[in-house]
Amino acid sequence: MSLLNDCKYGYSVLENKISLTLIKSGTYPDKNADIGNHPFIYSLYPHMSGFKQGSTIQGAYLPNRPLEAIEINGKGILPSSYSLLS
């Protein structure tokens, strides 16, 4: 099992407990630092064997590189209505 996140401050694993630091909350030198809403993404990524065999590094890119839609002018033909998923 791997823990994936979008570049938060840190994590730790001790025995059977996984911890993720979601916000630093430091107040020096700026006493108003980290005030407000802080969106974050984290996910558990199950896999067999070790992290290399389970492609954890490749999976870790997913929450840090969101999908990007690009328009290309190809010569393919699609119906006027098309669904990527069903």
PDB file of N, CA and C in Angstrom:
ATOM      1  N   MET A   1       0.860  -1.169   0.000  1.00  0.00           N
ATOM      2  CA  MET A   1       0.000   0.000   0.000  1.00  0.00           C
ATOM      3  C   MET A   1       0.902   1.225   0.000  1.00  0.00           C
ATOM      4  N   SER A   2       0.596   2.150  -0.879  1.00  0.00           N
ATOM      5  CA  SER A   2       1.327   3.418  -0.921  1.00  0.00           C
ATOM      6  C   SER A   2       0.350   4.557  -0.671  1.00  0.00           C
ATOM      7  N   LEU A   3       0.843   5.611  -0.048  1.00  0.00           N
ATOM      8  CA  LEU A   3       0.067   6.815   0.196  1.00  0.00           C
ATOM      9  C   LEU A   3       0.513   7.867  -0.814  1.00  0.00           C
ATOM     10  N   LEU A   4      -0.407   8.354  -1.627  1.00  0.00           N
ATOM     11  CA  LEU A   4      -0.104   9.373  -2.629  1.00  0.00           C
ATOM     12  C   LEU A   4      -0.724  10.688  -2.184  1.00  0.00           C
ATOM     13  N   ASN A   5      -0.047  11.807  -2.456  1.00  0.00           N
ATOM     14  CA  ASN A   5      -0.600  13.109  -2.104  1.00  0.00           C
ATOM     15  C   ASN A   5      -0.076  14.159  -3.073  1.00  0.00           C
ATOM     16  N   ASP A   6      -0.660  15.332  -3.005  1.00  0.00           N
ATOM     17  CA  ASP A   6      -0.287  16.406  -3.924  1.00  0.00           C
ATOM     18  C   ASP A   6       0.729  17.352  -3.273  1.00  0.00           C
ATOM     19  N   CYS A   7       1.860  16.800  -2.922  1.00  0.00           N
ATOM     20  CA  CYS A   7       3.017  17.575  -2.436  1.00  0.00           C
ATOM     21  C   CYS A   7       2.776  18.248  -1.092  1.00  0.00           C
ATOM     22  N   LYS A   8       2.213  17.559  -0.166  1.00  0.00           N
ATOM     23  CA  LYS A   8       2.056  18.119   1.173  1.00  0.00           C
ATOM     24  C   LYS A   8       3.371  18.001   1.925  1.00  0.00           C
ATOM     25  N   TYR A   9       3.389  18.489   3.152  1.00  0.00           N
ATOM     26  CA  TYR A   9       4.635  18.666   3.884  1.00  0.00           C
ATOM     27  C   TYR A   9       5.370  17.381   4.225  1.00  0.00           C
ATOM     28  N   GLY A  10       4.688  16.353   4.590  1.00  0.00           N
ATOM     29  CA  GLY A  10       5.410  15.141   4.940  1.00  0.00           C
ATOM     30  C   GLY A  10       4.492  14.024   5.363  1.00  0.00           C
ATOM     31  N   TYR A  11       5.097  12.893   5.592  1.00  0.00           N
ATOM     32  CA  TYR A  11       4.379  11.716   6.026  1.00  0.00           C
ATOM     33  C   TYR A  11       5.319  10.883   6.878  1.00  0.00           C
ATOM     34  N   SER A  12       4.752   9.926   7.592  1.00  0.00           N
ATOM     35  CA  SER A  12       5.561   9.002   8.365  1.00  0.00           C
ATOM     36  C   SER A  12       4.831   7.672   8.447  1.00  0.00           C
ATOM     37  N   VAL A  13       5.605   6.627   8.605  1.00  0.00           N
ATOM     38  CA  VAL A  13       5.060   5.288   8.784  1.00  0.00           C
ATOM     39  C   VAL A  13       5.740   4.709  10.014  1.00  0.00           C
ATOM     40  N   LEU A  14       4.955   4.326  10.988  1.00  0.00           N
ATOM     41  CA  LEU A  14       5.483   3.735  12.207  1.00  0.00           C
ATOM     42  C   LEU A  14       4.618   2.533  12.558  1.00  0.00           C
ATOM     43  N   GLU A  15       5.221   1.367  12.505  1.00  0.00           N
ATOM     44  CA  GLU A  15       4.528   0.101  12.717  1.00  0.00           C
ATOM     45  C   GLU A  15       3.344   0.003  11.766  1.00  0.00           C
ATOM     46  N   ASN A  16       2.110   0.004  12.252  1.00  0.00           N
ATOM     47  CA  ASN A  16       0.948  -0.132  11.368  1.00  0.00           C
ATOM     48  C   ASN A  16       0.174   1.173  11.211  1.00  0.00           C
ATOM     49  N   LYS A  17       0.829   2.313  11.420  1.00  0.00           N
ATOM     50  CA  LYS A  17       0.162   3.613  11.348  1.00  0.00           C
ATOM     51  C   LYS A  17       0.844   4.506  10.313  1.00  0.00           C
ATOM     52  N   ILE A  18       0.040   5.048   9.385  1.00  0.00           N
ATOM     53  CA  ILE A  18       0.520   5.999   8.391  1.00  0.00           C
ATOM     54  C   ILE A  18      -0.017   7.373   8.758  1.00  0.00           C
ATOM     55  N   SER A  19       0.862   8.370   8.811  1.00  0.00           N
ATOM     56  CA  SER A  19       0.443   9.738   9.127  1.00  0.00           C
ATOM     57  C   SER A  19       0.827  10.664   7.981  1.00  0.00           C
ATOM     58  N   LEU A  20      -0.030  11.621   7.688  1.00  0.00           N
ATOM     59  CA  LEU A  20       0.208  12.604   6.637  1.00  0.00           C
ATOM     60  C   LEU A  20       0.011  13.993   7.229  1.00  0.00           C
ATOM     61  N   THR A  21       1.016  14.850   7.098  1.00  0.00           N
ATOM     62  CA  THR A  21       0.912  16.228   7.567  1.00  0.00           C
ATOM     63  C   THR A  21       0.244  17.040   6.463  1.00  0.00           C
ATOM     64  N   LEU A  22      -0.952  17.536   6.720  1.00  0.00           N
ATOM     65  CA  LEU A  22      -1.712  18.249   5.701  1.00  0.00           C
ATOM     66  C   LEU A  22      -1.403  19.734   5.659  1.00  0.00           C
ATOM     67  N   ILE A  23      -0.980  20.307   6.769  1.00  0.00           N
ATOM     68  CA  ILE A  23      -0.692  21.734   6.796  1.00  0.00           C
ATOM     69  C   ILE A  23       0.415  21.989   7.824  1.00  0.00           C
ATOM     70  N   LYS A  24       1.309  22.864   7.484  1.00  0.00           N
ATOM     71  CA  LYS A  24       2.467  23.145   8.337  1.00  0.00           C
ATOM     72  C   LYS A  24       2.086  23.997   9.547  1.00  0.00           C
ATOM     73  N   SER A  25       1.311  25.016   9.342  1.00  0.00           N
ATOM     74  CA  SER A  25       0.817  25.919  10.385  1.00  0.00           C
ATOM     75  C   SER A  25       1.909  26.630  11.169  1.00  0.00           C
ATOM     76  N   GLY A  26       2.985  26.955  10.527  1.00  0.00           N
ATOM     77  CA  GLY A  26       4.018  27.744  11.194  1.00  0.00           C
ATOM     78  C   GLY A  26       3.552  29.182  11.375  1.00  0.00           C
ATOM     79  N   THR A  27       3.957  29.808  12.452  1.00  0.00           N
ATOM     80  CA  THR A  27       3.536  31.187  12.701  1.00  0.00           C
ATOM     81  C   THR A  27       4.703  32.164  12.745  1.00  0.00           C
ATOM     82  N   TYR A  28       5.889  31.680  12.499  1.00  0.00           N
ATOM     83  CA  TYR A  28       7.043  32.586  12.485  1.00  0.00           C
ATOM     84  C   TYR A  28       7.713  32.505  11.131  1.00  0.00           C
ATOM     85  N   PRO A  29       8.034  33.556  10.487  1.00  0.00           N
ATOM     86  CA  PRO A  29       7.957  34.949  10.917  1.00  0.00           C
ATOM     87  C   PRO A  29       6.608  35.608  10.637  1.00  0.00           C
ATOM     88  N   ASP A  30       5.697  34.916   9.942  1.00  0.00           N
ATOM     89  CA  ASP A  30       4.399  35.509   9.599  1.00  0.00           C
ATOM     90  C   ASP A  30       3.319  34.888  10.474  1.00  0.00           C
ATOM     91  N   LYS A  31       2.783  35.649  11.423  1.00  0.00           N
ATOM     92  CA  LYS A  31       1.773  35.100  12.332  1.00  0.00           C
ATOM     93  C   LYS A  31       0.458  34.772  11.614  1.00  0.00           C
ATOM     94  N   ASN A  32       0.273  35.273  10.392  1.00  0.00           N
ATOM     95  CA  ASN A  32      -0.946  35.005   9.629  1.00  0.00           C
ATOM     96  C   ASN A  32      -0.759  33.927   8.560  1.00  0.00           C
ATOM     97  N   ALA A  33       0.359  33.239   8.594  1.00  0.00           N
ATOM     98  CA  ALA A  33       0.625  32.211   7.581  1.00  0.00           C
ATOM     99  C   ALA A  33      -0.363  31.055   7.711  1.00  0.00           C
ATOM    100  N   ASP A  34      -0.677  30.451   6.604  1.00  0.00           N
ATOM    101  CA  ASP A  34      -1.525  29.255   6.530  1.00  0.00           C
ATOM    102  C   ASP A  34      -2.951  29.463   7.008  1.00  0.00           C
ATOM    103  N   ILE A  35      -3.421  30.710   7.047  1.00  0.00           N
ATOM    104  CA  ILE A  35      -4.807  30.968   7.420  1.00  0.00           C
ATOM    105  C   ILE A  35      -5.661  30.870   6.156  1.00  0.00           C
ATOM    106  N   GLY A  36      -6.815  30.232   6.267  1.00  0.00           N
ATOM    107  CA  GLY A  36      -7.725  30.127   5.134  1.00  0.00           C
ATOM    108  C   GLY A  36      -7.943  28.687   4.714  1.00  0.00           C
ATOM    109  N   ASN A  37      -8.569  28.514   3.554  1.00  0.00           N
ATOM    110  CA  ASN A  37      -8.843  27.185   3.012  1.00  0.00           C
ATOM    111  C   ASN A  37      -7.602  26.612   2.358  1.00  0.00           C
ATOM    112  N   HIS A  38      -7.402  25.321   2.521  1.00  0.00           N
ATOM    113  CA  HIS A  38      -6.255  24.638   1.947  1.00  0.00           C
ATOM    114  C   HIS A  38      -6.724  23.336   1.304  1.00  0.00           C
ATOM    115  N   PRO A  39      -6.955  23.342   0.000  1.00  0.00           N
ATOM    116  CA  PRO A  39      -7.373  22.092  -0.655  1.00  0.00           C
ATOM    117  C   PRO A  39      -6.199  21.110  -0.718  1.00  0.00           C
ATOM    118  N   PHE A  40      -6.510  19.833  -0.652  1.00  0.00           N
ATOM    119  CA  PHE A  40      -5.476  18.817  -0.753  1.00  0.00           C
ATOM    120  C   PHE A  40      -6.068  17.548  -1.343  1.00  0.00           C
ATOM    121  N   ILE A  41      -5.206  16.728  -1.875  1.00  0.00           N
ATOM    122  CA  ILE A  41      -5.586  15.439  -2.445  1.00  0.00           C
ATOM    123  C   ILE A  41      -4.694  14.377  -1.814  1.00  0.00           C
ATOM    124  N   TYR A  42      -5.285  13.300  -1.387  1.00  0.00           N
ATOM    125  CA  TYR A  42      -4.497  12.143  -0.982  1.00  0.00           C
ATOM    126  C   TYR A  42      -5.267  10.889  -1.355  1.00  0.00           C
ATOM    127  N   SER A  43      -4.552   9.819  -1.562  1.00  0.00           N
ATOM    128  CA  SER A  43      -5.194   8.565  -1.931  1.00  0.00           C
ATOM    129  C   SER A  43      -4.321   7.397  -1.504  1.00  0.00           C
ATOM    130  N   LEU A  44      -4.975   6.276  -1.261  1.00  0.00           N
ATOM    131  CA  LEU A  44      -4.266   5.035  -0.981  1.00  0.00           C
ATOM    132  C   LEU A  44      -4.156   4.258  -2.284  1.00  0.00           C
ATOM    133  N   TYR A  45      -2.969   3.776  -2.568  1.00  0.00           N
ATOM    134  CA  TYR A  45      -2.688   3.092  -3.823  1.00  0.00           C
ATOM    135  C   TYR A  45      -2.264   1.655  -3.506  1.00  0.00           C
ATOM    136  N   PRO A  46      -3.203   0.686  -3.583  1.00  0.00           N
ATOM    137  CA  PRO A  46      -2.839  -0.700  -3.286  1.00  0.00           C
ATOM    138  C   PRO A  46      -2.043  -1.309  -4.438  1.00  0.00           C
ATOM    139  N   HIS A  47      -1.083  -2.146  -4.086  1.00  0.00           N
ATOM    140  CA  HIS A  47      -0.285  -2.825  -5.110  1.00  0.00           C
ATOM    141  C   HIS A  47       0.353  -4.065  -4.515  1.00  0.00           C
ATOM    142  N   MET A  48       0.768  -4.939  -5.371  1.00  0.00           N
ATOM    143  CA  MET A  48       1.468  -6.150  -4.953  1.00  0.00           C
ATOM    144  C   MET A  48       2.961  -5.841  -4.871  1.00  0.00           C
ATOM    145  N   SER A  49       3.678  -6.578  -4.073  1.00  0.00           N
ATOM    146  CA  SER A  49       5.137  -6.461  -3.951  1.00  0.00           C
ATOM    147  C   SER A  49       5.551  -5.082  -3.460  1.00  0.00           C
ATOM    148  N   GLY A  50       6.769  -4.672  -3.806  1.00  0.00           N
ATOM    149  CA  GLY A  50       7.309  -3.393  -3.366  1.00  0.00           C
ATOM    150  C   GLY A  50       6.823  -2.231  -4.201  1.00  0.00           C
ATOM    151  N   PHE A  51       7.240  -1.025  -3.809  1.00  0.00           N
ATOM    152  CA  PHE A  51       6.758   0.171  -4.498  1.00  0.00           C
ATOM    153  C   PHE A  51       7.250   0.242  -5.937  1.00  0.00           C
ATOM    154  N   LYS A  52       8.436  -0.271  -6.226  1.00  0.00           N
ATOM    155  CA  LYS A  52       8.931  -0.237  -7.611  1.00  0.00           C
ATOM    156  C   LYS A  52       8.120  -1.161  -8.503  1.00  0.00           C
ATOM    157  N   GLN A  53       7.897  -2.385  -8.049  1.00  0.00           N
ATOM    158  CA  GLN A  53       7.114  -3.337  -8.835  1.00  0.00           C
ATOM    159  C   GLN A  53       5.654  -2.905  -8.948  1.00  0.00           C
ATOM    160  N   GLY A  54       5.160  -2.178  -7.961  1.00  0.00           N
ATOM    161  CA  GLY A  54       3.772  -1.709  -7.968  1.00  0.00           C
ATOM    162  C   GLY A  54       3.565  -0.408  -8.712  1.00  0.00           C
ATOM    163  N   SER A  55       4.627   0.141  -9.327  1.00  0.00           N
ATOM    164  CA  SER A  55       4.545   1.388 -10.111  1.00  0.00           C
ATOM    165  C   SER A  55       4.066   2.574  -9.279  1.00  0.00           C
ATOM    166  N   THR A  56       4.471   2.623  -8.009  1.00  0.00           N
ATOM    167  CA  THR A  56       4.063   3.721  -7.132  1.00  0.00           C
ATOM    168  C   THR A  56       4.570   5.067  -7.635  1.00  0.00           C
ATOM    169  N   ILE A  57       5.790   5.119  -8.115  1.00  0.00           N
ATOM    170  CA  ILE A  57       6.346   6.396  -8.574  1.00  0.00           C
ATOM    171  C   ILE A  57       5.519   6.948  -9.728  1.00  0.00           C
ATOM    172  N   GLN A  58       5.161   6.102 -10.682  1.00  0.00           N
ATOM    173  CA  GLN A  58       4.321   6.555 -11.797  1.00  0.00           C
ATOM    174  C   GLN A  58       2.945   6.976 -11.289  1.00  0.00           C
ATOM    175  N   GLY A  59       2.394   6.225 -10.341  1.00  0.00           N
ATOM    176  CA  GLY A  59       1.091   6.577  -9.771  1.00  0.00           C
ATOM    177  C   GLY A  59       1.118   7.879  -9.003  1.00  0.00           C
ATOM    178  N   ALA A  60       2.271   8.220  -8.425  1.00  0.00           N
ATOM    179  CA  ALA A  60       2.387   9.450  -7.644  1.00  0.00           C
ATOM    180  C   ALA A  60       2.295  10.694  -8.523  1.00  0.00           C
ATOM    181  N   TYR A  61       2.563  10.564  -9.806  1.00  0.00           N
ATOM    182  CA  TYR A  61       2.431  11.712 -10.703  1.00  0.00           C
ATOM    183  C   TYR A  61       0.968  12.102 -10.907  1.00  0.00           C
ATOM    184  N   LEU A  62       0.051  11.158 -10.776  1.00  0.00           N
ATOM    185  CA  LEU A  62      -1.357  11.430 -11.089  1.00  0.00           C
ATOM    186  C   LEU A  62      -1.974  12.564 -10.281  1.00  0.00           C
ATOM    187  N   PRO A  63      -1.861  12.604  -8.942  1.00  0.00           N
ATOM    188  CA  PRO A  63      -2.473  13.734  -8.227  1.00  0.00           C
ATOM    189  C   PRO A  63      -1.702  15.043  -8.400  1.00  0.00           C
ATOM    190  N   ASN A  64      -0.496  14.981  -8.926  1.00  0.00           N
ATOM    191  CA  ASN A  64       0.328  16.182  -9.087  1.00  0.00           C
ATOM    192  C   ASN A  64       0.327  16.726 -10.510  1.00  0.00           C
ATOM    193  N   ARG A  65      -0.156  15.951 -11.454  1.00  0.00           N
ATOM    194  CA  ARG A  65      -0.266  16.385 -12.849  1.00  0.00           C
ATOM    195  C   ARG A  65      -1.670  16.078 -13.336  1.00  0.00           C
ATOM    196  N   PRO A  66      -2.636  16.961 -13.068  1.00  0.00           N
ATOM    197  CA  PRO A  66      -4.021  16.703 -13.477  1.00  0.00           C
ATOM    198  C   PRO A  66      -4.134  16.513 -14.980  1.00  0.00           C
ATOM    199  N   LEU A  67      -5.201  15.845 -15.379  1.00  0.00           N
ATOM    200  CA  LEU A  67      -5.458  15.658 -16.801  1.00  0.00           C
ATOM    201  C   LEU A  67      -5.571  17.005 -17.493  1.00  0.00           C
ATOM    202  N   GLU A  68      -5.084  17.060 -18.691  1.00  0.00           N
ATOM    203  CA  GLU A  68      -5.131  18.296 -19.462  1.00  0.00           C
ATOM    204  C   GLU A  68      -5.780  17.993 -20.804  1.00  0.00           C
ATOM    205  N   ALA A  69      -6.807  18.744 -21.129  1.00  0.00           N
ATOM    206  CA  ALA A  69      -7.477  18.574 -22.412  1.00  0.00           C
ATOM    207  C   ALA A  69      -6.783  19.441 -23.458  1.00  0.00           C
ATOM    208  N   ILE A  70      -6.466  18.841 -24.566  1.00  0.00           N
ATOM    209  CA  ILE A  70      -5.884  19.602 -25.664  1.00  0.00           C
ATOM    210  C   ILE A  70      -6.674  19.312 -26.935  1.00  0.00           C
ATOM    211  N   GLU A  71      -6.783  20.302 -27.768  1.00  0.00           N
ATOM    212  CA  GLU A  71      -7.502  20.146 -29.029  1.00  0.00           C
ATOM    213  C   GLU A  71      -6.491  19.932 -30.146  1.00  0.00           C
ATOM    214  N   ILE A  72      -6.741  18.908 -30.935  1.00  0.00           N
ATOM    215  CA  ILE A  72      -5.880  18.656 -32.089  1.00  0.00           C
ATOM    216  C   ILE A  72      -6.740  18.593 -33.333  1.00  0.00           C
ATOM    217  N   ASN A  73      -6.197  18.957 -34.432  1.00  0.00           N
ATOM    218  CA  ASN A  73      -6.926  18.925 -35.695  1.00  0.00           C
ATOM    219  C   ASN A  73      -6.463  17.712 -36.492  1.00  0.00           C
ATOM    220  N   GLY A  74      -7.014  16.560 -36.135  1.00  0.00           N
ATOM    221  CA  GLY A  74      -6.679  15.329 -36.839  1.00  0.00           C
ATOM    222  C   GLY A  74      -7.666  15.057 -37.956  1.00  0.00           C
ATOM    223  N   LYS A  75      -7.491  13.937 -38.587  1.00  0.00           N
ATOM    224  CA  LYS A  75      -8.371  13.564 -39.696  1.00  0.00           C
ATOM    225  C   LYS A  75      -9.351  12.469 -39.297  1.00  0.00           C
ATOM    226  N   GLY A  76      -9.439  12.195 -37.978  1.00  0.00           N
ATOM    227  CA  GLY A  76     -10.362  11.176 -37.501  1.00  0.00           C
ATOM    228  C   GLY A  76     -11.804  11.645 -37.580  1.00  0.00           C
ATOM    229  N   ILE A  77     -12.710  10.704 -37.542  1.00  0.00           N
ATOM    230  CA  ILE A  77     -14.143  11.024 -37.615  1.00  0.00           C
ATOM    231  C   ILE A  77     -14.815  10.431 -36.380  1.00  0.00           C
ATOM    232  N   LEU A  78     -15.487  11.288 -35.634  1.00  0.00           N
ATOM    233  CA  LEU A  78     -16.254  10.864 -34.478  1.00  0.00           C
ATOM    234  C   LEU A  78     -17.698  11.282 -34.673  1.00  0.00           C
ATOM    235  N   PRO A  79     -18.621  10.575 -34.052  1.00  0.00           N
ATOM    236  CA  PRO A  79     -20.017  11.015 -34.116  1.00  0.00           C
ATOM    237  C   PRO A  79     -20.170  12.345 -33.378  1.00  0.00           C
ATOM    238  N   SER A  80     -21.279  13.040 -33.608  1.00  0.00           N
ATOM    239  CA  SER A  80     -21.476  14.350 -32.981  1.00  0.00           C
ATOM    240  C   SER A  80     -21.574  14.244 -31.475  1.00  0.00           C
ATOM    241  N   SER A  81     -21.956  13.078 -30.952  1.00  0.00           N
ATOM    242  CA  SER A  81     -21.981  12.847 -29.514  1.00  0.00           C
ATOM    243  C   SER A  81     -21.094  11.645 -29.220  1.00  0.00           C
ATOM    244  N   TYR A  82     -20.197  11.822 -28.258  1.00  0.00           N
ATOM    245  CA  TYR A  82     -19.247  10.749 -27.972  1.00  0.00           C
ATOM    246  C   TYR A  82     -18.945  10.753 -26.479  1.00  0.00           C
ATOM    247  N   SER A  83     -18.874   9.573 -25.879  1.00  0.00           N
ATOM    248  CA  SER A  83     -18.569   9.455 -24.463  1.00  0.00           C
ATOM    249  C   SER A  83     -17.272   8.662 -24.290  1.00  0.00           C
ATOM    250  N   LEU A  84     -16.369   9.212 -23.532  1.00  0.00           N
ATOM    251  CA  LEU A  84     -15.129   8.511 -23.240  1.00  0.00           C
ATOM    252  C   LEU A  84     -15.381   7.319 -22.317  1.00  0.00           C
ATOM    253  N   LEU A  85     -16.337   7.465 -21.388  1.00  0.00           N
ATOM    254  CA  LEU A  85     -16.658   6.410 -20.431  1.00  0.00           C
ATOM    255  C   LEU A  85     -18.119   6.043 -20.522  1.00  0.00           C
ATOM    256  N   SER A  86     -18.390   4.812 -20.209  1.00  0.00           N
ATOM    257  CA  SER A  86     -19.797   4.392 -20.148  1.00  0.00           C
ATOM    258  C   SER A  86     -19.985   3.405 -19.021  1.00  0.00           C
TER     259      SER A  86
END
